PDB file of N, CA and C in Angstrom:
ATOM      1  N   MET A   1      -0.094  67.435  35.031  1.00  0.00           N
ATOM      2  CA  MET A   1      -1.488  67.053  35.225  1.00  0.00           C
ATOM      3  C   MET A   1      -2.439  68.168  34.818  1.00  0.00           C
ATOM      4  N   GLY A   2      -1.864  69.246  34.320  1.00  0.00           N
ATOM      5  CA  GLY A   2      -2.705  70.339  33.893  1.00  0.00           C
ATOM      6  C   GLY A   2      -3.174  71.236  35.015  1.00  0.00           C
ATOM      7  N   VAL A   3      -2.610  71.034  36.197  1.00  0.00           N
ATOM      8  CA  VAL A   3      -2.969  71.810  37.384  1.00  0.00           C
ATOM      9  C   VAL A   3      -1.672  72.203  38.078  1.00  0.00           C
ATOM     10  N   PRO A   4      -1.550  73.441  38.543  1.00  0.00           N
ATOM     11  CA  PRO A   4      -0.327  73.802  39.274  1.00  0.00           C
ATOM     12  C   PRO A   4      -0.097  72.877  40.472  1.00  0.00           C
ATOM     13  N   ARG A   5       1.120  72.403  40.615  1.00  0.00           N
ATOM     14  CA  ARG A   5       1.459  71.466  41.702  1.00  0.00           C
ATOM     15  C   ARG A   5       1.081  72.018  43.063  1.00  0.00           C
ATOM     16  N   ALA A   6       1.207  73.294  43.265  1.00  0.00           N
ATOM     17  CA  ALA A   6       0.902  73.907  44.567  1.00  0.00           C
ATOM     18  C   ALA A   6      -0.558  73.732  44.972  1.00  0.00           C
ATOM     19  N   LYS A   7      -1.427  73.466  44.015  1.00  0.00           N
ATOM     20  CA  LYS A   7      -2.854  73.295  44.318  1.00  0.00           C
ATOM     21  C   LYS A   7      -3.220  71.854  44.631  1.00  0.00           C
ATOM     22  N   ILE A   8      -2.271  70.939  44.492  1.00  0.00           N
ATOM     23  CA  ILE A   8      -2.551  69.515  44.737  1.00  0.00           C
ATOM     24  C   ILE A   8      -1.944  69.109  46.079  1.00  0.00           C
ATOM     25  N   PRO A   9      -2.791  68.842  47.066  1.00  0.00           N
ATOM     26  CA  PRO A   9      -2.289  68.501  48.401  1.00  0.00           C
ATOM     27  C   PRO A   9      -1.864  67.034  48.502  1.00  0.00           C
ATOM     28  N   TRP A  10      -0.727  66.708  47.920  1.00  0.00           N
ATOM     29  CA  TRP A  10      -0.241  65.332  47.941  1.00  0.00           C
ATOM     30  C   TRP A  10       1.160  65.282  48.537  1.00  0.00           C
ATOM     31  N   CYS A  11       1.281  64.672  49.690  1.00  0.00           N
ATOM     32  CA  CYS A  11       2.569  64.391  50.320  1.00  0.00           C
ATOM     33  C   CYS A  11       2.300  63.491  51.510  1.00  0.00           C
ATOM     34  N   PRO A  12       3.311  62.826  52.027  1.00  0.00           N
ATOM     35  CA  PRO A  12       3.101  61.959  53.178  1.00  0.00           C
ATOM     36  C   PRO A  12       2.859  62.759  54.454  1.00  0.00           C
ATOM     37  N   THR A  13       2.228  62.088  55.386  1.00  0.00           N
ATOM     38  CA  THR A  13       2.079  62.587  56.755  1.00  0.00           C
ATOM     39  C   THR A  13       2.795  61.585  57.648  1.00  0.00           C
ATOM     40  N   ILE A  14       3.556  62.072  58.602  1.00  0.00           N
ATOM     41  CA  ILE A  14       4.311  61.198  59.505  1.00  0.00           C
ATOM     42  C   ILE A  14       3.549  61.025  60.810  1.00  0.00           C
ATOM     43  N   ASP A  15       3.306  59.773  61.186  1.00  0.00           N
ATOM     44  CA  ASP A  15       2.727  59.458  62.485  1.00  0.00           C
ATOM     45  C   ASP A  15       3.893  59.263  63.452  1.00  0.00           C
ATOM     46  N   TYR A  16       4.152  60.274  64.266  1.00  0.00           N
ATOM     47  CA  TYR A  16       5.314  60.228  65.155  1.00  0.00           C
ATOM     48  C   TYR A  16       5.174  59.196  66.271  1.00  0.00           C
ATOM     49  N   ASN A  17       3.978  58.701  66.497  1.00  0.00           N
ATOM     50  CA  ASN A  17       3.794  57.625  67.473  1.00  0.00           C
ATOM     51  C   ASN A  17       4.290  56.293  66.928  1.00  0.00           C
ATOM     52  N   LYS A  18       4.374  56.187  65.611  1.00  0.00           N
ATOM     53  CA  LYS A  18       4.857  54.961  64.973  1.00  0.00           C
ATOM     54  C   LYS A  18       6.288  55.079  64.475  1.00  0.00           C
ATOM     55  N   CYS A  19       6.710  56.280  64.111  1.00  0.00           N
ATOM     56  CA  CYS A  19       8.019  56.492  63.486  1.00  0.00           C
ATOM     57  C   CYS A  19       9.151  56.104  64.439  1.00  0.00           C
ATOM     58  N   ASP A  20      10.078  55.272  63.939  1.00  0.00           N
ATOM     59  CA  ASP A  20      11.233  54.877  64.757  1.00  0.00           C
ATOM     60  C   ASP A  20      12.505  55.616  64.315  1.00  0.00           C
ATOM     61  N   TYR A  21      12.349  56.634  63.454  1.00  0.00           N
ATOM     62  CA  TYR A  21      13.440  57.489  63.009  1.00  0.00           C
ATOM     63  C   TYR A  21      14.579  56.715  62.345  1.00  0.00           C
ATOM     64  N   CYS A  22      14.207  55.684  61.602  1.00  0.00           N
ATOM     65  CA  CYS A  22      15.222  54.906  60.881  1.00  0.00           C
ATOM     66  C   CYS A  22      15.748  55.681  59.667  1.00  0.00           C
ATOM     67  N   MET A  23      14.982  56.644  59.189  1.00  0.00           N
ATOM     68  CA  MET A  23      15.337  57.528  58.073  1.00  0.00           C
ATOM     69  C   MET A  23      15.379  56.823  56.718  1.00  0.00           C
ATOM     70  N   GLU A  24      14.833  55.617  56.635  1.00  0.00           N
ATOM     71  CA  GLU A  24      14.788  54.896  55.358  1.00  0.00           C
ATOM     72  C   GLU A  24      14.028  55.688  54.301  1.00  0.00           C
ATOM     73  N   CYS A  25      12.926  56.310  54.693  1.00  0.00           N
ATOM     74  CA  CYS A  25      12.128  57.074  53.730  1.00  0.00           C
ATOM     75  C   CYS A  25      12.926  58.255  53.177  1.00  0.00           C
ATOM     76  N   ASP A  26      13.630  58.948  54.039  1.00  0.00           N
ATOM     77  CA  ASP A  26      14.438  60.086  53.625  1.00  0.00           C
ATOM     78  C   ASP A  26      15.574  59.641  52.709  1.00  0.00           C
ATOM     79  N   GLU A  27      16.220  58.530  53.050  1.00  0.00           N
ATOM     80  CA  GLU A  27      17.310  58.020  52.230  1.00  0.00           C
ATOM     81  C   GLU A  27      16.799  57.556  50.870  1.00  0.00           C
ATOM     82  N   PHE A  28      15.578  57.045  50.822  1.00  0.00           N
ATOM     83  CA  PHE A  28      15.005  56.541  49.576  1.00  0.00           C
ATOM     84  C   PHE A  28      14.540  57.659  48.646  1.00  0.00           C
ATOM     85  N   CYS A  29      13.907  58.681  49.178  1.00  0.00           N
ATOM     86  CA  CYS A  29      13.263  59.715  48.362  1.00  0.00           C
ATOM     87  C   CYS A  29      14.288  60.594  47.645  1.00  0.00           C
ATOM     88  N   PRO A  30      14.261  60.598  46.299  1.00  0.00           N
ATOM     89  CA  PRO A  30      15.209  61.427  45.561  1.00  0.00           C
ATOM     90  C   PRO A  30      14.730  62.869  45.356  1.00  0.00           C
ATOM     91  N   HIS A  31      13.556  63.198  45.902  1.00  0.00           N
ATOM     92  CA  HIS A  31      12.947  64.498  45.617  1.00  0.00           C
ATOM     93  C   HIS A  31      13.086  65.527  46.736  1.00  0.00           C
ATOM     94  N   GLY A  32      13.740  65.158  47.818  1.00  0.00           N
ATOM     95  CA  GLY A  32      13.978  66.113  48.896  1.00  0.00           C
ATOM     96  C   GLY A  32      12.727  66.536  49.653  1.00  0.00           C
ATOM     97  N   VAL A  33      11.786  65.615  49.798  1.00  0.00           N
ATOM     98  CA  VAL A  33      10.546  65.926  50.517  1.00  0.00           C
ATOM     99  C   VAL A  33      10.813  66.040  52.017  1.00  0.00           C
ATOM    100  N   PHE A  34      11.663  65.162  52.516  1.00  0.00           N
ATOM    101  CA  PHE A  34      11.929  65.088  53.953  1.00  0.00           C
ATOM    102  C   PHE A  34      13.126  65.954  54.345  1.00  0.00           C
ATOM    103  N   GLU A  35      13.176  66.267  55.631  1.00  0.00           N
ATOM    104  CA  GLU A  35      14.332  66.972  56.181  1.00  0.00           C
ATOM    105  C   GLU A  35      14.555  66.473  57.599  1.00  0.00           C
ATOM    106  N   ARG A  36      15.820  66.237  57.913  1.00  0.00           N
ATOM    107  CA  ARG A  36      16.174  65.807  59.273  1.00  0.00           C
ATOM    108  C   ARG A  36      16.463  67.044  60.103  1.00  0.00           C
ATOM    109  N   ARG A  37      15.852  67.091  61.246  1.00  0.00           N
ATOM    110  CA  ARG A  37      16.087  68.222  62.155  1.00  0.00           C
ATOM    111  C   ARG A  37      16.801  67.692  63.386  1.00  0.00           C
ATOM    112  N   GLU A  38      17.854  68.351  63.729  1.00  0.00           N
ATOM    113  CA  GLU A  38      18.634  67.964  64.904  1.00  0.00           C
ATOM    114  C   GLU A  38      18.316  68.934  66.040  1.00  0.00           C
ATOM    115  N   GLY A  39      18.445  68.477  67.225  1.00  0.00           N
ATOM    116  CA  GLY A  39      18.202  69.295  68.396  1.00  0.00           C
ATOM    117  C   GLY A  39      18.201  68.390  69.611  1.00  0.00           C
ATOM    118  N   GLU A  40      17.390  68.740  70.597  1.00  0.00           N
ATOM    119  CA  GLU A  40      17.275  67.875  71.773  1.00  0.00           C
ATOM    120  C   GLU A  40      16.819  66.487  71.355  1.00  0.00           C
ATOM    121  N   GLU A  41      15.972  66.479  70.342  1.00  0.00           N
ATOM    122  CA  GLU A  41      15.436  65.220  69.858  1.00  0.00           C
ATOM    123  C   GLU A  41      15.537  65.211  68.334  1.00  0.00           C
ATOM    124  N   LYS A  42      16.044  64.120  67.769  1.00  0.00           N
ATOM    125  CA  LYS A  42      16.080  64.008  66.315  1.00  0.00           C
ATOM    126  C   LYS A  42      14.653  63.948  65.806  1.00  0.00           C
ATOM    127  N   LYS A  43      14.429  64.580  64.681  1.00  0.00           N
ATOM    128  CA  LYS A  43      13.085  64.580  64.141  1.00  0.00           C
ATOM    129  C   LYS A  43      13.148  64.636  62.623  1.00  0.00           C
ATOM    130  N   LEU A  44      12.255  63.918  61.989  1.00  0.00           N
ATOM    131  CA  LEU A  44      12.102  63.943  60.544  1.00  0.00           C
ATOM    132  C   LEU A  44      10.836  64.725  60.239  1.00  0.00           C
ATOM    133  N   VAL A  45      10.905  65.658  59.293  1.00  0.00           N
ATOM    134  CA  VAL A  45       9.740  66.466  58.951  1.00  0.00           C
ATOM    135  C   VAL A  45       9.530  66.466  57.436  1.00  0.00           C
ATOM    136  N   ILE A  46       8.326  66.796  57.040  1.00  0.00           N
ATOM    137  CA  ILE A  46       8.005  67.002  55.637  1.00  0.00           C
ATOM    138  C   ILE A  46       8.310  68.470  55.365  1.00  0.00           C
ATOM    139  N   ALA A  47       9.508  68.736  54.875  1.00  0.00           N
ATOM    140  CA  ALA A  47       9.966  70.115  54.697  1.00  0.00           C
ATOM    141  C   ALA A  47       9.574  70.700  53.346  1.00  0.00           C
ATOM    142  N   HIS A  48       9.438  69.844  52.340  1.00  0.00           N
ATOM    143  CA  HIS A  48       9.150  70.317  50.989  1.00  0.00           C
ATOM    144  C   HIS A  48       8.042  69.478  50.361  1.00  0.00           C
ATOM    145  N   PRO A  49       6.811  69.643  50.842  1.00  0.00           N
ATOM    146  CA  PRO A  49       5.708  68.815  50.344  1.00  0.00           C
ATOM    147  C   PRO A  49       5.464  68.964  48.846  1.00  0.00           C
ATOM    148  N   GLU A  50       5.780  70.147  48.312  1.00  0.00           N
ATOM    149  CA  GLU A  50       5.557  70.386  46.886  1.00  0.00           C
ATOM    150  C   GLU A  50       6.507  69.572  46.012  1.00  0.00           C
ATOM    151  N   ASN A  51       7.558  69.022  46.593  1.00  0.00           N
ATOM    152  CA  ASN A  51       8.493  68.179  45.840  1.00  0.00           C
ATOM    153  C   ASN A  51       7.995  66.751  45.676  1.00  0.00           C
ATOM    154  N   CYS A  52       6.998  66.369  46.457  1.00  0.00           N
ATOM    155  CA  CYS A  52       6.472  65.007  46.392  1.00  0.00           C
ATOM    156  C   CYS A  52       5.747  64.814  45.060  1.00  0.00           C
ATOM    157  N   VAL A  53       6.049  63.732  44.381  1.00  0.00           N
ATOM    158  CA  VAL A  53       5.417  63.418  43.104  1.00  0.00           C
ATOM    159  C   VAL A  53       3.991  62.954  43.381  1.00  0.00           C
ATOM    160  N   VAL A  54       3.037  63.606  42.738  1.00  0.00           N
ATOM    161  CA  VAL A  54       1.630  63.286  42.963  1.00  0.00           C
ATOM    162  C   VAL A  54       1.372  61.811  42.643  1.00  0.00           C
ATOM    163  N   PHE A  55       0.744  61.133  43.582  1.00  0.00           N
ATOM    164  CA  PHE A  55       0.378  59.718  43.560  1.00  0.00           C
ATOM    165  C   PHE A  55       1.538  58.776  43.869  1.00  0.00           C
ATOM    166  N   CYS A  56       2.727  59.284  44.087  1.00  0.00           N
ATOM    167  CA  CYS A  56       3.841  58.426  44.493  1.00  0.00           C
ATOM    168  C   CYS A  56       3.693  58.089  45.978  1.00  0.00           C
ATOM    169  N   LYS A  57       3.864  56.814  46.308  1.00  0.00           N
ATOM    170  CA  LYS A  57       3.831  56.358  47.703  1.00  0.00           C
ATOM    171  C   LYS A  57       5.040  55.480  48.002  1.00  0.00           C
ATOM    172  N   ALA A  58       6.056  55.557  47.153  1.00  0.00           N
ATOM    173  CA  ALA A  58       7.189  54.639  47.256  1.00  0.00           C
ATOM    174  C   ALA A  58       7.903  54.723  48.597  1.00  0.00           C
ATOM    175  N   CYS A  59       8.062  55.918  49.144  1.00  0.00           N
ATOM    176  CA  CYS A  59       8.764  56.037  50.430  1.00  0.00           C
ATOM    177  C   CYS A  59       8.007  55.293  51.532  1.00  0.00           C
ATOM    178  N   GLY A  60       6.694  55.247  51.415  1.00  0.00           N
ATOM    179  CA  GLY A  60       5.881  54.543  52.409  1.00  0.00           C
ATOM    180  C   GLY A  60       6.163  53.057  52.437  1.00  0.00           C
ATOM    181  N   LYS A  61       6.599  52.516  51.317  1.00  0.00           N
ATOM    182  CA  LYS A  61       6.913  51.084  51.253  1.00  0.00           C
ATOM    183  C   LYS A  61       8.222  50.762  51.964  1.00  0.00           C
ATOM    184  N   THR A  62       9.043  51.779  52.213  1.00  0.00           N
ATOM    185  CA  THR A  62      10.306  51.557  52.927  1.00  0.00           C
ATOM    186  C   THR A  62      10.109  51.613  54.442  1.00  0.00           C
ATOM    187  N   CYS A  63       8.914  52.029  54.871  1.00  0.00           N
ATOM    188  CA  CYS A  63       8.655  52.281  56.292  1.00  0.00           C
ATOM    189  C   CYS A  63       8.091  51.042  56.988  1.00  0.00           C
ATOM    190  N   ASP A  64       8.963  50.343  57.729  1.00  0.00           N
ATOM    191  CA  ASP A  64       8.530  49.129  58.424  1.00  0.00           C
ATOM    192  C   ASP A  64       7.446  49.376  59.472  1.00  0.00           C
ATOM    193  N   PRO A  65       7.524  50.454  60.259  1.00  0.00           N
ATOM    194  CA  PRO A  65       6.466  50.669  61.254  1.00  0.00           C
ATOM    195  C   PRO A  65       5.191  51.278  60.668  1.00  0.00           C
ATOM    196  N   ASP A  66       5.164  51.489  59.327  1.00  0.00           N
ATOM    197  CA  ASP A  66       3.979  52.027  58.649  1.00  0.00           C
ATOM    198  C   ASP A  66       3.586  53.392  59.218  1.00  0.00           C
ATOM    199  N   ALA A  67       4.584  54.257  59.371  1.00  0.00           N
ATOM    200  CA  ALA A  67       4.364  55.580  59.974  1.00  0.00           C
ATOM    201  C   ALA A  67       3.986  56.648  58.958  1.00  0.00           C
ATOM    202  N   LEU A  68       4.022  56.315  57.674  1.00  0.00           N
ATOM    203  CA  LEU A  68       3.685  57.297  56.650  1.00  0.00           C
ATOM    204  C   LEU A  68       2.311  56.996  56.069  1.00  0.00           C
ATOM    205  N   SER A  69       1.521  58.043  55.920  1.00  0.00           N
ATOM    206  CA  SER A  69       0.224  57.901  55.267  1.00  0.00           C
ATOM    207  C   SER A  69       0.116  58.974  54.194  1.00  0.00           C
ATOM    208  N   PHE A  70      -0.792  58.753  53.272  1.00  0.00           N
ATOM    209  CA  PHE A  70      -0.964  59.660  52.140  1.00  0.00           C
ATOM    210  C   PHE A  70      -2.433  60.028  51.999  1.00  0.00           C
ATOM    211  N   PRO A  71      -2.700  61.133  51.308  1.00  0.00           N
ATOM    212  CA  PRO A  71      -4.088  61.510  51.056  1.00  0.00           C
ATOM    213  C   PRO A  71      -4.801  60.414  50.246  1.00  0.00           C
ATOM    214  N   ASP A  72      -6.102  60.455  50.263  1.00  0.00           N
ATOM    215  CA  ASP A  72      -6.908  59.505  49.517  1.00  0.00           C
ATOM    216  C   ASP A  72      -6.741  59.762  48.013  1.00  0.00           C
ATOM    217  N   LYS A  73      -6.353  58.740  47.269  1.00  0.00           N
ATOM    218  CA  LYS A  73      -6.077  58.893  45.836  1.00  0.00           C
ATOM    219  C   LYS A  73      -7.340  59.290  45.068  1.00  0.00           C
ATOM    220  N   LYS A  74      -8.460  58.682  45.408  1.00  0.00           N
ATOM    221  CA  LYS A  74      -9.707  58.978  44.703  1.00  0.00           C
ATOM    222  C   LYS A  74     -10.115  60.439  44.913  1.00  0.00           C
ATOM    223  N   GLU A  75     -10.020  60.913  46.141  1.00  0.00           N
ATOM    224  CA  GLU A  75     -10.357  62.311  46.438  1.00  0.00           C
ATOM    225  C   GLU A  75      -9.399  63.270  45.725  1.00  0.00           C
ATOM    226  N   THR A  76      -8.131  62.921  45.689  1.00  0.00           N
ATOM    227  CA  THR A  76      -7.146  63.769  45.019  1.00  0.00           C
ATOM    228  C   THR A  76      -7.412  63.814  43.519  1.00  0.00           C
ATOM    229  N   THR A  77      -7.756  62.671  42.942  1.00  0.00           N
ATOM    230  CA  THR A  77      -8.085  62.618  41.518  1.00  0.00           C
ATOM    231  C   THR A  77      -9.294  63.499  41.219  1.00  0.00           C
ATOM    232  N   GLN A  78     -10.306  63.428  42.056  1.00  0.00           N
ATOM    233  CA  GLN A  78     -11.497  64.255  41.870  1.00  0.00           C
ATOM    234  C   GLN A  78     -11.151  65.741  41.965  1.00  0.00           C
ATOM    235  N   LEU A  79     -10.298  66.100  42.907  1.00  0.00           N
ATOM    236  CA  LEU A  79      -9.868  67.490  43.051  1.00  0.00           C
ATOM    237  C   LEU A  79      -9.142  67.964  41.796  1.00  0.00           C
ATOM    238  N   ILE A  80      -8.244  67.142  41.273  1.00  0.00           N
ATOM    239  CA  ILE A  80      -7.497  67.512  40.070  1.00  0.00           C
ATOM    240  C   ILE A  80      -8.451  67.731  38.898  1.00  0.00           C
ATOM    241  N   LYS A  81      -9.415  66.839  38.739  1.00  0.00           N
ATOM    242  CA  LYS A  81     -10.401  66.988  37.658  1.00  0.00           C
ATOM    243  C   LYS A  81     -11.193  68.282  37.813  1.00  0.00           C
ATOM    244  N   ARG A  82     -11.599  68.575  39.043  1.00  0.00           N
ATOM    245  CA  ARG A  82     -12.356  69.794  39.310  1.00  0.00           C
ATOM    246  C   ARG A  82     -11.510  71.038  39.010  1.00  0.00           C
ATOM    247  N   LEU A  83     -10.256  71.012  39.434  1.00  0.00           N
ATOM    248  CA  LEU A  83      -9.366  72.146  39.181  1.00  0.00           C
ATOM    249  C   LEU A  83      -9.102  72.335  37.690  1.00  0.00           C
ATOM    250  N   ARG A  84      -9.000  71.232  36.953  1.00  0.00           N
ATOM    251  CA  ARG A  84      -8.826  71.328  35.495  1.00  0.00           C
ATOM    252  C   ARG A  84     -10.024  72.014  34.853  1.00  0.00           C
ATOM    253  N   GLU A  85     -11.211  71.594  35.278  1.00  0.00           N
ATOM    254  CA  GLU A  85     -12.445  72.192  34.738  1.00  0.00           C
ATOM    255  C   GLU A  85     -12.516  73.685  35.052  1.00  0.00           C
ATOM    256  N   GLU A  86     -12.165  74.031  36.287  1.00  0.00           N
ATOM    257  CA  GLU A  86     -12.164  75.438  36.670  1.00  0.00           C
ATOM    258  C   GLU A  86     -11.166  76.222  35.833  1.00  0.00           C
ATOM    259  N   GLY A  87     -10.032  75.599  35.535  1.00  0.00           N
ATOM    260  CA  GLY A  87      -9.011  76.244  34.711  1.00  0.00           C
ATOM    261  C   GLY A  87      -9.498  76.497  33.290  1.00  0.00           C
ATOM    262  N   LYS A  88     -10.307  75.586  32.775  1.00  0.00           N
ATOM    263  CA  LYS A  88     -10.874  75.768  31.428  1.00  0.00           C
ATOM    264  C   LYS A  88     -11.812  76.967  31.401  1.00  0.00           C
ATOM    265  N   ASP A  89     -12.560  77.125  32.495  1.00  0.00           N
ATOM    266  CA  ASP A  89     -13.492  78.250  32.586  1.00  0.00           C
ATOM    267  C   ASP A  89     -12.744  79.587  32.635  1.00  0.00           C
ATOM    268  N   ASP A  90     -11.545  79.569  33.234  1.00  0.00           N
ATOM    269  CA  ASP A  90     -10.752  80.798  33.356  1.00  0.00           C
ATOM    270  C   ASP A  90     -10.107  81.187  32.026  1.00  0.00           C
ATOM    271  N   GLY A  91      -9.905  80.194  31.143  1.00  0.00           N
ATOM    272  CA  GLY A  91      -9.157  80.448  29.915  1.00  0.00           C
ATOM    273  C   GLY A  91     -10.033  80.829  28.810  1.00  0.00           C
TER     274      GLY A  91
END
């Protein structure tokens, strides 16, 4: 996208009040965004947000309780455009 991935804040957020820990999203995602943590309580976390493909929401479609949300696409697009322009000024 012409912008370093680390500067684009795109990854899912887990609503733990909705999440039923079915792990469908983790099983679906081929990019290793999620990580299962074991302990007193099983927990799914966003361990590698930079691995999430910008604008991909496919894992969210696997989530029956709708526990995953994503940043606003329009705002993210505007940020990317702004960062590209800033990059042109630096070069």
